[in-house]
Amino acid sequence: MPYITSKRKDGKFCNYKQGEDGKPEGESLACFDSLSKAHAQLRALYANEGKSLIMADELKAMMKKESDGAMHPKDHYLVAGETVSDFHLRIKDKQGKLSPRLMGAAHAALTVGYRGNKYAGPDKEKALAKLKKLYKQMGMKWPEDKAEKSISIWDLENKVRGAIRTKLMEATGADDEWDMPYYSCDIFLDFAIVKAPAGLYQIEYSIAPESYEITLGEPQKVKIEYVPDDAPEEDIADMEDEAYAEMLKKSADLTVIKALGENRVGSYAVLWGDEAKKDLTGEFFDQKTEELTTIFEAVGKLPYLYHHGLDETLKTAVIGVVDTLIPDTIGLWYEAQLRMASEYEEAVKKLFSEKKLKTSTQTFPVARRVGKNGHIDRWPIVEITATPTPAEYRMQPVETLKGAFTEIGYADIASVFKAKLGIDGDGSTQGAEKARMLKELELAEIELLDF
């Protein structure tokens, strides 16, 4: 039984049994005027149990030094083994108080991953159960599972309208929307046009992928400009073709890669379609497409490449780690933590910031299955790419992909490919395809520079 000495408000030093939380438990065993006398009793207590004071001091000294510079005992962690190397998922600060920030980081590590890393150590389920109790104890709301949370386009649009309405009420000092002047609001992909008594205003907005919270930019006054329409009249079929082309353009915009914070990006890896909404190759994904996340679920991450690893000016194909892959009502959303080398970081980051990179995915020929109507029945994603030229299916040699997984810390991907997809070999016969894609990349980069 471990014991602990605690100083009371009256200055007395009292010995107690130590509870599982590291605090005194029950009534005091005895109280003394000095700490040395209290420790003398502890020597006797430990001696009766076949232990010594040195052993007690060793137990007390078994603390782990963290980045905050403090030494932390085992009760500061959700998981604590026999040695400090087995202390994981810290939830208390240096004062020994539960920290909402550390608890949030522990939750992320146990679920979707924290800074690209998921906890894969012992007692994961026990740690989750303990963390849930601590959340309740602290009066904190348990974060929702991203995989279970989705929202329709209609509801997203209404959230944007609601955010703008709230902002206008704050600006006008209105108590409710009925006190405000009339305004109309048209919602577009990443901005809204508000028609107010003072004129037209464009308000940019962004949507947080996890919480769907809306962030509004500052209103910019705009005007309508009329230009001559010299184009010949078109029949209904032409108008439908234009509408279809516009739909494709909006879909493509959803695959533009967006910055989510410091060295973190996200976008849709695939978008759901149907027989009326196919991609430029005449094919489409939907929620029935099989095994999209098979490799991700087996490994816990995917390599994030630049142009499928075919830009030979980069010393490595891998520019990050995909640590989130979640289906929703729009498609398959992913997030990646970038880890680019300094020699090419600036150039690639510039493409990210200017929204000139889109998303492409890759699978193996033998794993790919497409129905007669263009439905993609099976597509196990083996890597996700940021590229200026997203196109139809392309394939890289197996050995190249093995190297990419090794770079992100998973060296035995070959066994996963074989077990899950039946893939083996080195794919060395694809040199012509690689040469063609390199030429395509070169032309695309010239276009971006000209732009």
Protein backbone atom coordinates (compact mmCIF):
# COMPACT_ATOMS: atom_id res chain seq x y z
CA MET A 1 0.00 0.00 0.00
CA PRO A 2 1.51 3.37 -0.95
CA TYR A 3 1.31 6.24 1.54
CA ILE A 4 1.47 9.98 1.22
CA THR A 5 2.25 12.90 3.54
CA SER A 6 0.11 16.02 3.29
CA LYS A 7 0.42 19.35 5.11
CA ARG A 8 -2.85 20.63 6.64
CA LYS A 9 -3.92 24.24 6.97
CA ASP A 10 -3.06 24.18 10.69
CA GLY A 11 0.57 23.34 9.80
CA LYS A 12 0.41 19.68 10.85
CA PHE A 13 2.00 16.99 8.62
CA CYS A 14 -0.38 14.05 8.29
CA ASN A 15 0.12 10.62 6.74
CA TYR A 16 -2.60 8.99 4.61
CA LYS A 17 -3.10 6.02 2.39
CA GLN A 18 -2.58 7.13 -1.22
CA GLY A 19 -5.58 6.72 -3.55
CA GLU A 20 -5.48 5.71 -7.22
CA ASP A 21 -5.64 9.40 -8.16
CA GLY A 22 -2.43 10.07 -6.20
CA LYS A 23 -4.27 12.02 -3.48
CA PRO A 24 -4.82 11.26 0.24
CA GLU A 25 -7.56 8.69 0.82
CA GLY A 26 -9.70 8.28 3.93
CA GLU A 27 -8.84 9.45 7.46
CA SER A 28 -5.29 10.39 8.41
CA LEU A 29 -3.18 7.67 10.00
CA ALA A 30 -1.40 10.17 12.27
CA CYS A 31 -0.36 13.84 12.33
CA PHE A 32 2.96 15.39 13.40
CA ASP A 33 4.48 18.80 14.10
CA SER A 34 7.33 18.26 11.63
CA LEU A 35 7.87 16.58 8.26
CA SER A 36 10.78 14.51 9.64
CA LYS A 37 8.51 12.94 12.27
CA ALA A 38 5.88 12.16 9.63
CA HIS A 39 8.57 10.50 7.50
CA ALA A 40 9.69 8.47 10.50
CA GLN A 41 6.23 6.90 10.65
CA LEU A 42 6.40 6.22 6.90
CA ARG A 43 9.65 4.29 7.44
CA ALA A 44 7.88 2.10 9.93
CA LEU A 45 4.85 1.58 7.70
CA TYR A 46 6.99 0.54 4.74
CA ALA A 47 9.20 -1.63 6.95
CA ASN A 48 6.11 -3.60 8.05
CA GLU A 49 5.38 -4.28 4.38
CA GLY A 50 8.92 -5.46 3.66
CA LYS A 51 9.85 -2.25 1.93
CA SER A 52 12.22 0.54 2.80
CA LEU A 53 12.03 4.31 2.67
CA ILE A 54 14.41 4.20 -0.28
CA MET A 55 11.82 2.17 -2.20
CA ALA A 56 9.14 4.69 -1.27
CA ASP A 57 11.33 7.54 -2.47
CA GLU A 58 11.98 5.65 -5.69
CA LEU A 59 8.25 5.34 -6.28
CA LYS A 60 7.85 9.04 -5.71
CA ALA A 61 10.76 9.81 -8.01
CA MET A 62 9.34 7.77 -10.89
CA MET A 63 8.33 10.81 -12.90
CA LYS A 64 8.57 11.64 -16.58
CA LYS A 65 10.08 14.89 -17.80
CA GLU A 66 7.93 16.57 -20.48
CA SER A 67 8.37 19.45 -22.93
CA ASP A 68 6.93 21.90 -20.37
CA GLY A 69 10.10 21.32 -18.31
CA ALA A 70 8.22 19.71 -15.42
CA MET A 71 8.46 16.19 -14.00
CA HIS A 72 5.11 14.40 -14.17
CA PRO A 73 4.02 11.38 -12.04
CA LYS A 74 2.02 8.45 -13.41
CA ASP A 75 -1.37 9.86 -12.34
CA HIS A 76 -0.87 12.68 -14.89
CA TYR A 77 -1.37 10.13 -17.70
CA LEU A 78 -4.23 8.02 -19.03
CA VAL A 79 -1.86 5.10 -19.54
CA ALA A 80 0.96 4.47 -17.06
CA GLY A 81 3.04 1.28 -17.02
CA GLU A 82 5.83 0.10 -14.77
CA THR A 83 8.45 2.53 -16.18
CA VAL A 84 8.28 6.15 -17.32
CA SER A 85 8.72 5.01 -20.94
CA ASP A 86 5.29 3.42 -20.56
CA PHE A 87 3.61 6.70 -19.55
CA HIS A 88 1.33 7.85 -22.38
CA LEU A 89 -1.42 10.42 -23.06
CA ARG A 90 -0.79 13.13 -20.46
CA ILE A 91 -3.94 14.95 -19.30
CA LYS A 92 -2.68 17.08 -16.37
CA ASP A 93 -0.55 20.23 -16.33
CA LYS A 94 2.52 20.88 -14.19
CA GLN A 95 0.28 21.93 -11.27
CA GLY A 96 -1.45 18.54 -11.39
CA LYS A 97 -4.74 19.96 -12.69
CA LEU A 98 -6.73 18.43 -15.52
CA SER A 99 -6.01 20.40 -18.71
CA PRO A 100 -8.80 20.70 -21.33
CA ARG A 101 -6.10 21.26 -23.98
CA LEU A 102 -4.20 18.10 -23.04
CA MET A 103 -7.45 16.14 -22.78
CA GLY A 104 -8.40 17.29 -26.28
CA ALA A 105 -5.01 16.22 -27.61
CA ALA A 106 -5.42 12.82 -25.91
CA HIS A 107 -8.87 12.42 -27.48
CA ALA A 108 -7.46 13.20 -30.93
CA ALA A 109 -4.59 10.74 -30.45
CA LEU A 110 -7.05 8.01 -29.44
CA THR A 111 -9.47 8.66 -32.33
CA VAL A 112 -8.63 10.57 -35.52
CA GLY A 113 -4.94 11.19 -34.77
CA TYR A 114 -3.03 14.09 -33.19
CA ARG A 115 -0.57 15.90 -35.48
CA GLY A 116 -0.51 12.92 -37.80
CA ASN A 117 -0.10 10.30 -35.06
CA LYS A 118 -2.63 7.86 -33.64
CA TYR A 119 -2.08 6.17 -30.29
CA ALA A 120 -1.37 2.48 -30.92
CA GLY A 121 -0.06 1.53 -27.47
CA PRO A 122 -1.56 -0.65 -24.73
CA ASP A 123 -4.88 -0.14 -22.91
CA LYS A 124 -6.41 2.05 -25.63
CA GLU A 125 -10.03 1.13 -24.78
CA LYS A 126 -9.43 1.65 -21.05
CA ALA A 127 -7.86 5.04 -21.79
CA LEU A 128 -10.90 6.06 -23.88
CA ALA A 129 -13.31 4.98 -21.12
CA LYS A 130 -11.29 6.86 -18.48
CA LEU A 131 -11.11 9.97 -20.68
CA LYS A 132 -14.89 9.94 -21.20
CA LYS A 133 -15.41 9.93 -17.42
CA LEU A 134 -12.97 12.84 -17.02
CA TYR A 135 -14.76 14.82 -19.75
CA LYS A 136 -18.02 14.33 -17.84
CA GLN A 137 -16.33 15.22 -14.55
CA MET A 138 -15.02 18.47 -16.06
CA GLY A 139 -18.40 19.32 -17.64
CA MET A 140 -16.85 19.12 -21.12
CA LYS A 141 -18.71 17.95 -24.22
CA TRP A 142 -17.33 14.75 -25.73
CA PRO A 143 -16.15 15.56 -29.30
CA GLU A 144 -18.33 14.03 -31.98
CA ASP A 145 -16.95 11.27 -34.17
CA LYS A 146 -16.15 12.83 -37.54
CA ALA A 147 -17.05 9.60 -39.29
CA GLU A 148 -20.61 9.83 -37.94
CA LYS A 149 -21.12 13.51 -38.58
CA SER A 150 -22.33 14.77 -41.94
CA ILE A 151 -24.33 17.71 -43.23
CA SER A 152 -26.24 18.36 -46.42
CA ILE A 153 -25.43 21.10 -48.93
CA TRP A 154 -28.79 22.69 -48.08
CA ASP A 155 -27.93 22.84 -44.37
CA LEU A 156 -24.45 24.24 -45.16
CA GLU A 157 -26.02 27.01 -47.22
CA ASN A 158 -28.42 27.84 -44.39
CA LYS A 159 -25.50 27.95 -41.94
CA VAL A 160 -23.79 30.52 -44.18
CA ARG A 161 -27.01 32.58 -44.39
CA GLY A 162 -27.40 32.38 -40.61
CA ALA A 163 -23.82 33.53 -40.00
CA ILE A 164 -24.32 36.52 -42.36
CA ARG A 165 -27.66 37.38 -40.72
CA THR A 166 -26.06 37.34 -37.25
CA LYS A 167 -23.20 39.56 -38.50
CA LEU A 168 -25.67 42.06 -40.01
CA MET A 169 -27.66 42.17 -36.79
CA GLU A 170 -24.47 42.96 -34.86
CA ALA A 171 -23.51 45.66 -37.38
CA THR A 172 -26.95 47.35 -37.34
CA GLY A 173 -27.60 46.92 -33.62
CA ALA A 174 -30.88 45.16 -34.36
CA ASP A 175 -32.46 43.07 -31.60
CA ASP A 176 -33.84 40.58 -34.10
CA GLU A 177 -33.94 40.12 -37.87
CA TRP A 178 -37.31 41.88 -38.15
CA ASP A 179 -35.68 45.13 -37.02
CA MET A 180 -33.17 45.04 -39.87
CA PRO A 181 -33.60 46.61 -43.32
CA TYR A 182 -34.52 44.11 -46.03
CA TYR A 183 -31.63 42.38 -47.79
CA SER A 184 -31.27 39.44 -50.15
CA CYS A 185 -28.39 36.97 -50.09
CA ASP A 186 -27.09 34.69 -52.84
CA ILE A 187 -24.69 31.94 -51.75
CA PHE A 188 -21.86 30.79 -54.05
CA LEU A 189 -19.08 28.24 -53.54
CA ASP A 190 -16.83 30.35 -51.26
CA PHE A 191 -18.51 33.75 -51.14
CA ALA A 192 -21.95 35.35 -50.82
CA ILE A 193 -23.45 38.42 -52.49
CA VAL A 194 -25.61 40.52 -50.17
CA LYS A 195 -27.96 43.15 -51.57
CA ALA A 196 -28.32 45.80 -48.86
CA PRO A 197 -29.88 49.29 -48.99
CA ALA A 198 -26.36 50.74 -49.35
CA GLY A 199 -25.51 48.54 -52.34
CA LEU A 200 -24.07 45.11 -53.20
CA TYR A 201 -21.46 43.49 -50.98
CA GLN A 202 -19.35 40.38 -51.49
CA ILE A 203 -18.53 38.40 -48.34
CA GLU A 204 -16.05 35.54 -48.54
CA TYR A 205 -16.56 32.62 -46.17
CA SER A 206 -14.88 29.36 -45.19
CA ILE A 207 -16.28 26.18 -43.62
CA ALA A 208 -14.35 24.20 -41.00
CA PRO A 209 -14.31 20.57 -42.19
CA GLU A 210 -14.68 19.02 -38.72
CA SER A 211 -17.18 21.34 -36.99
CA TYR A 212 -18.78 22.97 -40.07
CA GLU A 213 -18.38 26.31 -38.34
CA ILE A 214 -18.60 29.33 -40.66
CA THR A 215 -15.90 32.02 -40.73
CA LEU A 216 -16.78 35.23 -42.57
CA GLY A 217 -14.42 37.65 -44.26
CA GLU A 218 -14.83 41.41 -44.38
CA PRO A 219 -17.57 42.75 -46.73
CA GLN A 220 -16.27 44.23 -50.00
CA LYS A 221 -18.53 46.57 -51.94
CA VAL A 222 -19.04 45.38 -55.54
CA LYS A 223 -21.12 46.39 -58.55
CA ILE A 224 -22.87 44.69 -61.42
CA GLU A 225 -21.25 45.22 -64.78
CA TYR A 226 -23.17 44.68 -68.02
CA VAL A 227 -21.27 43.64 -71.15
CA PRO A 228 -22.58 43.03 -74.70
CA ASP A 229 -23.59 39.46 -75.46
CA ASP A 230 -22.57 38.84 -79.06
CA ALA A 231 -22.89 35.06 -78.85
CA PRO A 232 -25.48 33.42 -81.14
CA GLU A 233 -28.66 32.07 -79.63
CA GLU A 234 -28.36 28.49 -78.43
CA ASP A 235 -30.92 25.74 -78.35
CA ILE A 236 -31.97 23.95 -75.19
CA ALA A 237 -29.47 21.13 -75.70
CA ASP A 238 -26.60 23.63 -75.80
CA MET A 239 -27.89 25.27 -72.63
CA GLU A 240 -28.02 21.88 -70.91
CA ASP A 241 -24.45 21.20 -72.01
CA GLU A 242 -23.35 24.51 -70.50
CA ALA A 243 -25.17 23.74 -67.26
CA TYR A 244 -23.48 20.34 -67.16
CA ALA A 245 -20.08 21.95 -67.78
CA GLU A 246 -20.75 24.44 -64.98
CA MET A 247 -21.66 21.54 -62.68
CA LEU A 248 -18.36 19.85 -63.52
CA LYS A 249 -16.48 23.10 -62.81
CA LYS A 250 -18.11 23.39 -59.37
CA SER A 251 -17.24 19.77 -58.63
CA ALA A 252 -13.63 20.46 -59.63
CA ASP A 253 -13.57 23.44 -57.26
CA LEU A 254 -14.41 21.09 -54.38
CA THR A 255 -11.17 19.18 -55.04
CA VAL A 256 -9.02 22.34 -54.77
CA ILE A 257 -6.70 21.80 -51.82
CA LYS A 258 -7.25 24.24 -48.95
CA ALA A 259 -4.94 25.31 -46.14
CA LEU A 260 -6.32 24.26 -42.72
CA GLY A 261 -3.58 25.76 -40.55
CA GLU A 262 0.16 25.56 -40.08
CA ASN A 263 1.48 22.94 -42.54
CA ARG A 264 -1.93 21.22 -42.75
CA VAL A 265 -4.17 20.93 -45.80
CA GLY A 266 -7.44 19.24 -46.72
CA SER A 267 -9.81 18.59 -49.61
CA TYR A 268 -12.04 15.94 -51.13
CA ALA A 269 -10.17 12.93 -52.47
CA VAL A 270 -13.25 11.82 -54.42
CA LEU A 271 -16.72 13.31 -54.96
CA TRP A 272 -19.91 11.29 -55.05
CA GLY A 273 -21.65 11.24 -58.42
CA ASP A 274 -24.25 9.24 -60.35
CA GLU A 275 -25.09 8.34 -63.93
CA ALA A 276 -26.02 11.97 -64.62
CA LYS A 277 -22.92 13.36 -62.89
CA LYS A 278 -19.85 11.57 -64.23
CA ASP A 279 -16.28 12.86 -64.37
CA LEU A 280 -14.45 13.73 -67.56
CA THR A 281 -13.58 10.06 -68.14
CA GLY A 282 -17.24 9.03 -68.03
CA GLU A 283 -16.92 7.34 -64.64
CA PHE A 284 -18.21 8.14 -61.17
CA PHE A 285 -17.79 7.21 -57.52
CA ASP A 286 -20.62 6.92 -55.03
CA GLN A 287 -21.03 5.72 -51.46
CA LYS A 288 -21.33 2.13 -52.73
CA THR A 289 -17.81 2.14 -54.22
CA GLU A 290 -15.99 -0.64 -52.38
CA GLU A 291 -12.74 -0.55 -50.41
CA LEU A 292 -11.95 3.16 -50.83
CA THR A 293 -10.45 3.25 -47.34
CA THR A 294 -9.21 -0.37 -47.07
CA ILE A 295 -5.48 0.46 -47.10
CA PHE A 296 -5.92 3.55 -44.89
CA GLU A 297 -7.80 1.51 -42.28
CA ALA A 298 -5.15 -1.24 -42.36
CA VAL A 299 -2.18 1.15 -42.01
CA GLY A 300 -3.70 4.18 -40.27
CA LYS A 301 -2.23 6.61 -42.81
CA LEU A 302 -1.39 7.11 -46.49
CA PRO A 303 1.51 8.84 -48.25
CA TYR A 304 0.72 12.32 -49.56
CA LEU A 305 2.60 12.85 -52.82
CA TYR A 306 3.23 15.63 -55.31
CA HIS A 307 1.98 14.67 -58.79
CA HIS A 308 2.01 10.93 -57.96
CA GLY A 309 5.76 11.18 -57.29
CA LEU A 310 6.61 11.90 -60.93
CA ASP A 311 8.22 15.34 -60.55
CA GLU A 312 11.89 14.37 -60.58
CA THR A 313 13.00 17.87 -59.48
CA LEU A 314 11.91 16.91 -55.95
CA LYS A 315 14.29 14.80 -53.92
CA THR A 316 11.35 12.85 -52.47
CA ALA A 317 7.87 12.10 -53.74
CA VAL A 318 6.38 12.28 -50.23
CA ILE A 319 5.39 15.78 -49.09
CA GLY A 320 3.20 14.75 -46.17
CA VAL A 321 1.09 12.16 -44.38
CA VAL A 322 -2.66 11.69 -44.88
CA ASP A 323 -3.97 11.06 -41.35
CA THR A 324 -7.70 11.67 -41.88
CA LEU A 325 -9.96 9.99 -44.46
CA ILE A 326 -13.67 10.42 -43.73
CA PRO A 327 -16.75 9.95 -45.99
CA ASP A 328 -19.54 12.53 -45.79
CA THR A 329 -22.54 13.51 -47.95
CA ILE A 330 -20.31 15.21 -50.55
CA GLY A 331 -17.49 12.71 -50.98
CA LEU A 332 -14.40 11.38 -49.24
CA TRP A 333 -12.75 14.17 -47.21
CA TYR A 334 -9.06 13.91 -46.31
CA GLU A 335 -6.55 15.94 -44.28
CA ALA A 336 -2.76 15.78 -44.53
CA GLN A 337 0.11 17.03 -42.40
CA LEU A 338 2.82 18.49 -44.65
CA ARG A 339 6.49 17.78 -44.00
CA MET A 340 8.29 19.27 -46.98
CA ALA A 341 12.03 19.81 -47.27
CA SER A 342 13.29 23.41 -47.40
CA GLU A 343 14.70 23.14 -50.92
CA TYR A 344 11.24 22.83 -52.47
CA GLU A 345 8.94 23.86 -49.62
CA GLU A 346 8.51 27.46 -50.82
CA ALA A 347 7.59 26.51 -54.39
CA VAL A 348 5.01 23.87 -53.44
CA LYS A 349 3.54 25.97 -50.60
CA LYS A 350 3.05 28.82 -53.09
CA LEU A 351 0.91 26.51 -55.24
CA PHE A 352 -1.12 25.56 -52.14
CA SER A 353 -1.64 29.20 -51.10
CA GLU A 354 -2.71 30.20 -54.63
CA LYS A 355 -5.16 27.25 -54.76
CA LYS A 356 -3.53 25.90 -57.91
CA LEU A 357 -3.29 22.32 -56.68
CA LYS A 358 -6.09 19.78 -56.78
CA THR A 359 -6.47 16.23 -55.57
CA SER A 360 -5.98 12.93 -57.35
CA THR A 361 -5.99 9.35 -56.04
CA GLN A 362 -4.35 6.14 -57.16
CA THR A 363 -5.10 2.43 -57.08
CA PHE A 364 -3.77 -0.69 -58.81
CA PRO A 365 -5.04 -2.00 -62.18
CA VAL A 366 -6.01 -5.39 -60.74
CA ALA A 367 -7.80 -3.73 -57.82
CA ARG A 368 -9.78 -1.33 -60.04
CA ARG A 369 -13.26 -2.42 -61.15
CA VAL A 370 -15.67 -0.27 -63.19
CA GLY A 371 -19.19 -1.20 -64.26
CA LYS A 372 -20.69 -0.81 -67.72
CA ASN A 373 -22.56 2.35 -66.69
CA GLY A 374 -19.28 3.99 -65.55
CA HIS A 375 -19.84 3.31 -61.85
CA ILE A 376 -16.52 2.69 -60.09
CA ASP A 377 -17.36 -0.51 -58.20
CA ARG A 378 -13.96 -0.94 -56.49
CA TRP A 379 -11.08 1.51 -55.92
CA PRO A 380 -8.79 0.85 -52.93
CA ILE A 381 -6.88 4.13 -52.53
CA VAL A 382 -3.12 3.50 -52.09
CA GLU A 383 -1.96 7.14 -52.19
CA ILE A 384 -3.35 10.66 -52.44
CA THR A 385 -1.69 13.31 -54.57
CA ALA A 386 -1.55 17.10 -54.79
CA THR A 387 -1.19 17.93 -58.48
CA PRO A 388 -1.69 20.78 -60.94
CA THR A 389 -3.10 18.24 -63.46
CA PRO A 390 -5.69 15.98 -61.84
CA ALA A 391 -6.73 13.52 -64.51
CA GLU A 392 -8.03 10.03 -65.05
CA TYR A 393 -6.49 6.92 -63.50
CA ARG A 394 -2.69 6.67 -63.55
CA MET A 395 -0.45 3.98 -62.10
CA GLN A 396 2.96 4.10 -60.44
CA PRO A 397 5.22 1.04 -59.95
CA VAL A 398 4.65 -0.96 -56.78
CA GLU A 399 8.25 -0.37 -55.66
CA THR A 400 7.71 3.42 -55.80
CA LEU A 401 4.68 3.13 -53.53
CA LYS A 402 6.56 0.83 -51.15
CA GLY A 403 9.22 3.54 -50.84
CA ALA A 404 6.56 6.19 -50.17
CA PHE A 405 5.05 4.15 -47.33
CA THR A 406 8.53 3.53 -45.90
CA GLU A 407 9.10 7.32 -45.81
CA ILE A 408 6.01 7.79 -43.64
CA GLY A 409 7.10 5.04 -41.24
CA TYR A 410 5.38 1.92 -42.59
CA ALA A 411 7.99 -0.39 -44.09
CA ASP A 412 5.91 -3.56 -44.44
CA ILE A 413 3.28 -2.21 -46.84
CA ALA A 414 4.03 -5.05 -49.29
CA SER A 415 2.33 -7.55 -46.97
CA VAL A 416 -0.73 -5.26 -46.73
CA PHE A 417 -0.91 -4.92 -50.53
CA LYS A 418 -0.69 -8.69 -50.88
CA ALA A 419 -3.18 -9.51 -48.10
CA LYS A 420 -5.77 -6.86 -48.97
CA LEU A 421 -5.40 -6.51 -52.74
CA GLY A 422 -3.41 -9.52 -53.94
CA ILE A 423 -0.72 -7.19 -55.33
CA ASP A 424 2.86 -8.38 -55.81
CA GLY A 425 5.77 -7.57 -58.19
CA ASP A 426 7.67 -4.40 -58.97
CA GLY A 427 5.56 -2.89 -61.76
CA SER A 428 8.69 -2.17 -63.75
CA THR A 429 6.97 -2.13 -67.17
CA GLN A 430 5.41 1.29 -66.80
CA GLY A 431 8.23 3.53 -68.06
CA ALA A 432 6.23 4.85 -71.03
CA GLU A 433 3.36 5.92 -68.77
CA LYS A 434 5.82 7.71 -66.46
CA ALA A 435 7.43 9.58 -69.39
CA ARG A 436 4.03 10.71 -70.65
CA MET A 437 2.97 12.00 -67.22
CA LEU A 438 6.25 13.89 -66.77
CA LYS A 439 5.59 15.70 -70.05
CA GLU A 440 2.05 16.47 -68.91
CA LEU A 441 3.36 17.89 -65.62
CA GLU A 442 5.92 20.07 -67.42
CA LEU A 443 3.22 21.60 -69.66
CA ALA A 444 0.92 22.19 -66.68
CA GLU A 445 3.64 23.97 -64.68
CA ILE A 446 4.41 26.22 -67.69
CA GLU A 447 0.70 27.16 -67.83
CA LEU A 448 0.69 28.00 -64.11
CA LEU A 449 3.74 30.24 -64.54
CA ASP A 450 2.14 32.01 -67.51
CA PHE A 451 -1.02 32.53 -65.48
